[in-house]
Amino acid sequence: MSTANILGEKSFEFAIRIVNLYKFLTKEQNEQVLSEQILRSGTSIGAMISESEHSESKMDFIHKLAIAQKEANETIYWLKLLHATNYLEAKAYKSILDDATDLIKILTASIKTAKRKIRTE
């Protein structure tokens, strides 16, 4: 399986987790503001990865992955804040944080590889 497929699948599964987290936060915790922030950033990761699959150029591809990387980083911020304010228990926090961190690692490697390929052309 190619890195693009792995990244697409992992980001989609992550988006599902984020949507379910949003549902939990709004219905069970009655939290509205932070949950909307994490919903936006957490689901936009996969959206940007999906957009990168039809990029106009190699630089556009890198740009879209870089935006996805930034969104993943922002999502980690919201996760930390939700955990620090007791909206998210330690076990759930660690699990979803690990998934977000994995996405950043794959995105970083993909961006580096794409940049390297441009330099060698």
N, C-alpha and C. Protein backbone atom coordinates (compact mmCIF):
# COMPACT_ATOMS: atom_id res chain seq x y z
N MET A 1 0.85 -1.18 0.00
CA MET A 1 0.00 0.00 0.00
C MET A 1 0.89 1.24 0.00
N SER A 2 0.56 2.20 -0.86
CA SER A 2 1.37 3.40 -0.98
C SER A 2 1.16 4.33 0.22
N THR A 3 2.11 5.24 0.40
CA THR A 3 2.01 6.20 1.50
C THR A 3 0.77 7.07 1.36
N ALA A 4 0.43 7.44 0.10
CA ALA A 4 -0.76 8.27 -0.13
C ALA A 4 -2.01 7.55 0.34
N ASN A 5 -2.11 6.25 0.05
CA ASN A 5 -3.28 5.49 0.50
C ASN A 5 -3.31 5.36 2.01
N ILE A 6 -2.17 5.10 2.61
CA ILE A 6 -2.09 5.01 4.08
C ILE A 6 -2.50 6.34 4.70
N LEU A 7 -1.98 7.41 4.17
CA LEU A 7 -2.28 8.75 4.69
C LEU A 7 -3.76 9.07 4.52
N GLY A 8 -4.32 8.75 3.37
CA GLY A 8 -5.74 8.98 3.13
C GLY A 8 -6.61 8.19 4.08
N GLU A 9 -6.28 6.91 4.27
CA GLU A 9 -7.06 6.06 5.17
C GLU A 9 -6.93 6.50 6.62
N LYS A 10 -5.71 6.77 7.05
CA LYS A 10 -5.49 7.18 8.44
C LYS A 10 -6.17 8.53 8.74
N SER A 11 -6.11 9.44 7.80
CA SER A 11 -6.73 10.75 8.03
C SER A 11 -8.26 10.63 8.03
N PHE A 12 -8.81 9.73 7.23
CA PHE A 12 -10.25 9.53 7.23
C PHE A 12 -10.70 8.90 8.55
N GLU A 13 -9.98 7.89 9.00
CA GLU A 13 -10.30 7.26 10.29
C GLU A 13 -10.16 8.26 11.44
N PHE A 14 -9.15 9.12 11.34
CA PHE A 14 -8.95 10.14 12.36
C PHE A 14 -10.13 11.12 12.35
N ALA A 15 -10.59 11.50 11.17
CA ALA A 15 -11.74 12.41 11.07
C ALA A 15 -12.98 11.80 11.71
N ILE A 16 -13.16 10.50 11.53
CA ILE A 16 -14.29 9.82 12.17
C ILE A 16 -14.17 9.92 13.69
N ARG A 17 -12.97 9.70 14.21
CA ARG A 17 -12.75 9.83 15.66
C ARG A 17 -13.05 11.24 16.13
N ILE A 18 -12.66 12.22 15.35
CA ILE A 18 -12.89 13.62 15.71
C ILE A 18 -14.39 13.93 15.71
N VAL A 19 -15.11 13.44 14.73
CA VAL A 19 -16.57 13.66 14.68
C VAL A 19 -17.22 13.01 15.91
N ASN A 20 -16.79 11.81 16.24
CA ASN A 20 -17.34 11.14 17.42
C ASN A 20 -16.96 11.87 18.70
N LEU A 21 -15.75 12.42 18.76
CA LEU A 21 -15.35 13.23 19.91
C LEU A 21 -16.23 14.47 20.01
N TYR A 22 -16.49 15.11 18.88
CA TYR A 22 -17.37 16.27 18.85
C TYR A 22 -18.75 15.92 19.40
N LYS A 23 -19.30 14.81 18.95
CA LYS A 23 -20.62 14.37 19.44
C LYS A 23 -20.59 14.17 20.96
N PHE A 24 -19.54 13.53 21.45
CA PHE A 24 -19.40 13.30 22.89
C PHE A 24 -19.32 14.63 23.64
N LEU A 25 -18.47 15.53 23.16
CA LEU A 25 -18.27 16.81 23.85
C LEU A 25 -19.54 17.64 23.89
N THR A 26 -20.28 17.66 22.79
CA THR A 26 -21.47 18.51 22.75
C THR A 26 -22.65 17.88 23.49
N LYS A 27 -22.78 16.56 23.40
CA LYS A 27 -23.95 15.92 24.02
C LYS A 27 -23.71 15.54 25.48
N GLU A 28 -22.55 14.96 25.76
CA GLU A 28 -22.27 14.47 27.11
C GLU A 28 -21.66 15.53 28.02
N GLN A 29 -20.81 16.37 27.46
CA GLN A 29 -20.10 17.37 28.26
C GLN A 29 -20.71 18.77 28.13
N ASN A 30 -21.64 18.93 27.21
CA ASN A 30 -22.29 20.21 26.96
C ASN A 30 -21.26 21.31 26.66
N GLU A 31 -20.23 20.94 25.92
CA GLU A 31 -19.17 21.87 25.55
C GLU A 31 -19.37 22.24 24.07
N GLN A 32 -19.39 23.52 23.75
CA GLN A 32 -19.70 23.95 22.39
C GLN A 32 -18.53 24.61 21.66
N VAL A 33 -17.75 25.41 22.32
CA VAL A 33 -16.75 26.23 21.64
C VAL A 33 -15.51 25.41 21.24
N LEU A 34 -14.89 24.77 22.20
CA LEU A 34 -13.69 23.98 21.89
C LEU A 34 -14.00 22.83 20.95
N SER A 35 -15.16 22.23 21.13
CA SER A 35 -15.53 21.09 20.28
C SER A 35 -15.66 21.51 18.82
N GLU A 36 -16.15 22.71 18.57
CA GLU A 36 -16.24 23.18 17.18
C GLU A 36 -14.86 23.45 16.60
N GLN A 37 -13.95 23.94 17.42
CA GLN A 37 -12.58 24.19 16.96
C GLN A 37 -11.90 22.88 16.55
N ILE A 38 -12.01 21.88 17.41
CA ILE A 38 -11.35 20.61 17.10
C ILE A 38 -12.03 19.90 15.95
N LEU A 39 -13.33 20.07 15.80
CA LEU A 39 -14.03 19.49 14.66
C LEU A 39 -13.50 20.07 13.35
N ARG A 40 -13.31 21.38 13.32
CA ARG A 40 -12.81 22.02 12.10
C ARG A 40 -11.38 21.59 11.77
N SER A 41 -10.49 21.69 12.75
CA SER A 41 -9.09 21.37 12.46
C SER A 41 -8.89 19.87 12.24
N GLY A 42 -9.56 19.06 13.03
CA GLY A 42 -9.36 17.61 12.94
C GLY A 42 -9.90 16.98 11.67
N THR A 43 -10.97 17.55 11.12
CA THR A 43 -11.51 17.00 9.87
C THR A 43 -10.86 17.62 8.64
N SER A 44 -10.28 18.80 8.80
CA SER A 44 -9.65 19.43 7.64
C SER A 44 -8.33 18.75 7.25
N ILE A 45 -7.75 17.98 8.15
CA ILE A 45 -6.52 17.24 7.83
C ILE A 45 -6.78 16.34 6.62
N GLY A 46 -7.79 15.50 6.74
CA GLY A 46 -8.12 14.58 5.65
C GLY A 46 -8.58 15.29 4.40
N ALA A 47 -9.30 16.40 4.58
CA ALA A 47 -9.77 17.17 3.42
C ALA A 47 -8.58 17.70 2.61
N MET A 48 -7.57 18.20 3.29
CA MET A 48 -6.39 18.72 2.59
C MET A 48 -5.59 17.60 1.94
N ILE A 49 -5.52 16.46 2.60
CA ILE A 49 -4.83 15.31 2.01
C ILE A 49 -5.57 14.87 0.76
N SER A 50 -6.88 14.86 0.83
CA SER A 50 -7.69 14.50 -0.33
C SER A 50 -7.46 15.49 -1.47
N GLU A 51 -7.42 16.77 -1.15
CA GLU A 51 -7.14 17.79 -2.17
C GLU A 51 -5.77 17.60 -2.79
N SER A 52 -4.80 17.17 -2.00
CA SER A 52 -3.44 17.00 -2.52
C SER A 52 -3.37 15.92 -3.61
N GLU A 53 -4.30 15.00 -3.57
CA GLU A 53 -4.31 13.93 -4.58
C GLU A 53 -4.60 14.47 -5.98
N HIS A 54 -5.18 15.65 -6.07
CA HIS A 54 -5.48 16.26 -7.36
C HIS A 54 -4.82 17.64 -7.47
N SER A 55 -3.63 17.74 -6.93
CA SER A 55 -2.93 19.02 -6.95
C SER A 55 -2.51 19.38 -8.37
N GLU A 56 -2.30 20.66 -8.58
CA GLU A 56 -1.97 21.17 -9.90
C GLU A 56 -0.50 21.02 -10.24
N SER A 57 0.33 20.90 -9.22
CA SER A 57 1.77 20.77 -9.43
C SER A 57 2.38 20.10 -8.21
N LYS A 58 3.65 19.80 -8.30
CA LYS A 58 4.33 19.20 -7.14
C LYS A 58 4.41 20.18 -5.97
N MET A 59 4.60 21.45 -6.29
CA MET A 59 4.63 22.46 -5.23
C MET A 59 3.26 22.62 -4.59
N ASP A 60 2.21 22.53 -5.38
CA ASP A 60 0.85 22.60 -4.84
C ASP A 60 0.58 21.38 -3.94
N PHE A 61 1.09 20.23 -4.36
CA PHE A 61 0.97 19.00 -3.55
C PHE A 61 1.63 19.21 -2.18
N ILE A 62 2.83 19.73 -2.20
CA ILE A 62 3.57 19.98 -0.95
C ILE A 62 2.82 21.00 -0.09
N HIS A 63 2.32 22.03 -0.72
CA HIS A 63 1.59 23.08 0.00
C HIS A 63 0.36 22.51 0.71
N LYS A 64 -0.40 21.68 0.02
CA LYS A 64 -1.60 21.10 0.62
C LYS A 64 -1.25 20.17 1.78
N LEU A 65 -0.19 19.38 1.63
CA LEU A 65 0.24 18.52 2.74
C LEU A 65 0.73 19.36 3.91
N ALA A 66 1.38 20.48 3.62
CA ALA A 66 1.85 21.36 4.70
C ALA A 66 0.68 21.96 5.47
N ILE A 67 -0.39 22.29 4.76
CA ILE A 67 -1.59 22.80 5.44
C ILE A 67 -2.18 21.70 6.32
N ALA A 68 -2.24 20.48 5.80
CA ALA A 68 -2.74 19.34 6.59
C ALA A 68 -1.89 19.15 7.84
N GLN A 69 -0.59 19.31 7.70
CA GLN A 69 0.35 19.19 8.84
C GLN A 69 0.04 20.27 9.89
N LYS A 70 -0.20 21.48 9.45
CA LYS A 70 -0.53 22.57 10.38
C LYS A 70 -1.86 22.31 11.08
N GLU A 71 -2.83 21.79 10.35
CA GLU A 71 -4.13 21.47 10.94
C GLU A 71 -3.98 20.36 11.99
N ALA A 72 -3.12 19.40 11.71
CA ALA A 72 -2.88 18.32 12.68
C ALA A 72 -2.23 18.89 13.94
N ASN A 73 -1.31 19.81 13.76
CA ASN A 73 -0.67 20.45 14.90
C ASN A 73 -1.68 21.26 15.71
N GLU A 74 -2.57 21.97 15.04
CA GLU A 74 -3.61 22.72 15.73
C GLU A 74 -4.54 21.76 16.50
N THR A 75 -4.86 20.64 15.89
CA THR A 75 -5.72 19.66 16.54
C THR A 75 -5.09 19.16 17.82
N ILE A 76 -3.78 18.96 17.81
CA ILE A 76 -3.08 18.53 19.03
C ILE A 76 -3.21 19.60 20.11
N TYR A 77 -3.14 20.86 19.74
CA TYR A 77 -3.34 21.93 20.71
C TYR A 77 -4.71 21.81 21.38
N TRP A 78 -5.77 21.65 20.57
CA TRP A 78 -7.11 21.54 21.13
C TRP A 78 -7.27 20.29 21.99
N LEU A 79 -6.63 19.21 21.58
CA LEU A 79 -6.67 17.99 22.40
C LEU A 79 -6.04 18.24 23.77
N LYS A 80 -4.88 18.89 23.76
CA LYS A 80 -4.20 19.20 25.02
C LYS A 80 -5.08 20.08 25.91
N LEU A 81 -5.71 21.06 25.32
CA LEU A 81 -6.57 21.96 26.08
C LEU A 81 -7.78 21.22 26.63
N LEU A 82 -8.39 20.37 25.83
CA LEU A 82 -9.54 19.59 26.30
C LEU A 82 -9.15 18.67 27.45
N HIS A 83 -7.97 18.09 27.36
CA HIS A 83 -7.49 17.21 28.43
C HIS A 83 -7.18 18.03 29.70
N ALA A 84 -6.51 19.15 29.52
CA ALA A 84 -6.11 19.98 30.67
C ALA A 84 -7.32 20.58 31.39
N THR A 85 -8.43 20.72 30.69
CA THR A 85 -9.63 21.29 31.30
C THR A 85 -10.66 20.21 31.67
N ASN A 86 -10.19 18.98 31.69
CA ASN A 86 -10.98 17.82 32.14
C ASN A 86 -12.20 17.49 31.29
N TYR A 87 -12.18 17.88 30.04
CA TYR A 87 -13.24 17.45 29.12
C TYR A 87 -12.91 16.09 28.51
N LEU A 88 -11.62 15.74 28.53
CA LEU A 88 -11.16 14.51 27.91
C LEU A 88 -10.31 13.73 28.90
N GLU A 89 -10.70 12.49 29.18
CA GLU A 89 -9.97 11.65 30.12
C GLU A 89 -8.64 11.21 29.52
N ALA A 90 -7.73 10.83 30.40
CA ALA A 90 -6.35 10.51 30.01
C ALA A 90 -6.26 9.42 28.94
N LYS A 91 -7.02 8.36 29.09
CA LYS A 91 -6.92 7.23 28.15
C LYS A 91 -7.37 7.65 26.74
N ALA A 92 -8.50 8.33 26.64
CA ALA A 92 -9.00 8.79 25.35
C ALA A 92 -8.05 9.83 24.76
N TYR A 93 -7.56 10.72 25.60
CA TYR A 93 -6.62 11.76 25.17
C TYR A 93 -5.38 11.14 24.55
N LYS A 94 -4.77 10.19 25.26
CA LYS A 94 -3.54 9.56 24.77
C LYS A 94 -3.78 8.84 23.45
N SER A 95 -4.89 8.15 23.35
CA SER A 95 -5.18 7.39 22.13
C SER A 95 -5.32 8.29 20.91
N ILE A 96 -6.10 9.34 21.04
CA ILE A 96 -6.31 10.22 19.88
C ILE A 96 -5.09 11.10 19.63
N LEU A 97 -4.37 11.44 20.69
CA LEU A 97 -3.11 12.19 20.53
C LEU A 97 -2.10 11.35 19.75
N ASP A 98 -2.01 10.07 20.06
CA ASP A 98 -1.10 9.18 19.34
C ASP A 98 -1.44 9.13 17.85
N ASP A 99 -2.74 9.07 17.53
CA ASP A 99 -3.16 9.07 16.13
C ASP A 99 -2.78 10.37 15.43
N ALA A 100 -2.97 11.48 16.10
CA ALA A 100 -2.62 12.78 15.51
C ALA A 100 -1.11 12.89 15.30
N THR A 101 -0.35 12.40 16.26
CA THR A 101 1.11 12.43 16.16
C THR A 101 1.58 11.56 15.00
N ASP A 102 0.96 10.39 14.83
CA ASP A 102 1.29 9.52 13.70
C ASP A 102 1.03 10.22 12.37
N LEU A 103 -0.10 10.92 12.28
CA LEU A 103 -0.41 11.65 11.05
C LEU A 103 0.66 12.70 10.76
N ILE A 104 1.08 13.42 11.78
CA ILE A 104 2.12 14.44 11.58
C ILE A 104 3.42 13.80 11.10
N LYS A 105 3.77 12.66 11.67
CA LYS A 105 5.00 11.98 11.25
C LYS A 105 4.93 11.56 9.79
N ILE A 106 3.81 11.00 9.37
CA ILE A 106 3.66 10.57 7.98
C ILE A 106 3.64 11.78 7.04
N LEU A 107 2.92 12.83 7.45
CA LEU A 107 2.88 14.05 6.64
C LEU A 107 4.28 14.65 6.48
N THR A 108 5.02 14.72 7.58
CA THR A 108 6.37 15.28 7.54
C THR A 108 7.26 14.48 6.59
N ALA A 109 7.19 13.16 6.70
CA ALA A 109 8.00 12.30 5.82
C ALA A 109 7.58 12.48 4.36
N SER A 110 6.28 12.59 4.10
CA SER A 110 5.79 12.76 2.73
C SER A 110 6.24 14.10 2.15
N ILE A 111 6.20 15.15 2.95
CA ILE A 111 6.65 16.46 2.49
C ILE A 111 8.14 16.44 2.19
N LYS A 112 8.93 15.85 3.07
CA LYS A 112 10.38 15.76 2.84
C LYS A 112 10.69 14.98 1.57
N THR A 113 10.00 13.88 1.36
CA THR A 113 10.21 13.07 0.16
C THR A 113 9.85 13.85 -1.10
N ALA A 114 8.74 14.53 -1.08
CA ALA A 114 8.30 15.31 -2.24
C ALA A 114 9.30 16.43 -2.54
N LYS A 115 9.79 17.08 -1.50
CA LYS A 115 10.78 18.16 -1.72
C LYS A 115 12.08 17.59 -2.28
N ARG A 116 12.49 16.45 -1.79
CA ARG A 116 13.71 15.80 -2.26
C ARG A 116 13.56 15.45 -3.75
N LYS A 117 12.41 14.95 -4.14
CA LYS A 117 12.16 14.59 -5.54
C LYS A 117 12.23 15.81 -6.44
N ILE A 118 11.74 16.94 -5.96
CA ILE A 118 11.79 18.17 -6.76
C ILE A 118 13.24 18.59 -6.98
N ARG A 119 14.04 18.49 -5.93
CA ARG A 119 15.45 18.91 -6.03
C ARG A 119 16.25 18.03 -6.98
N THR A 120 15.88 16.77 -7.12
CA THR A 120 16.66 15.86 -7.94
C THR A 120 16.19 15.82 -9.40
N GLU A 121 15.15 16.57 -9.71
CA GLU A 121 14.66 16.58 -11.10
C GLU A 121 15.45 17.51 -11.95
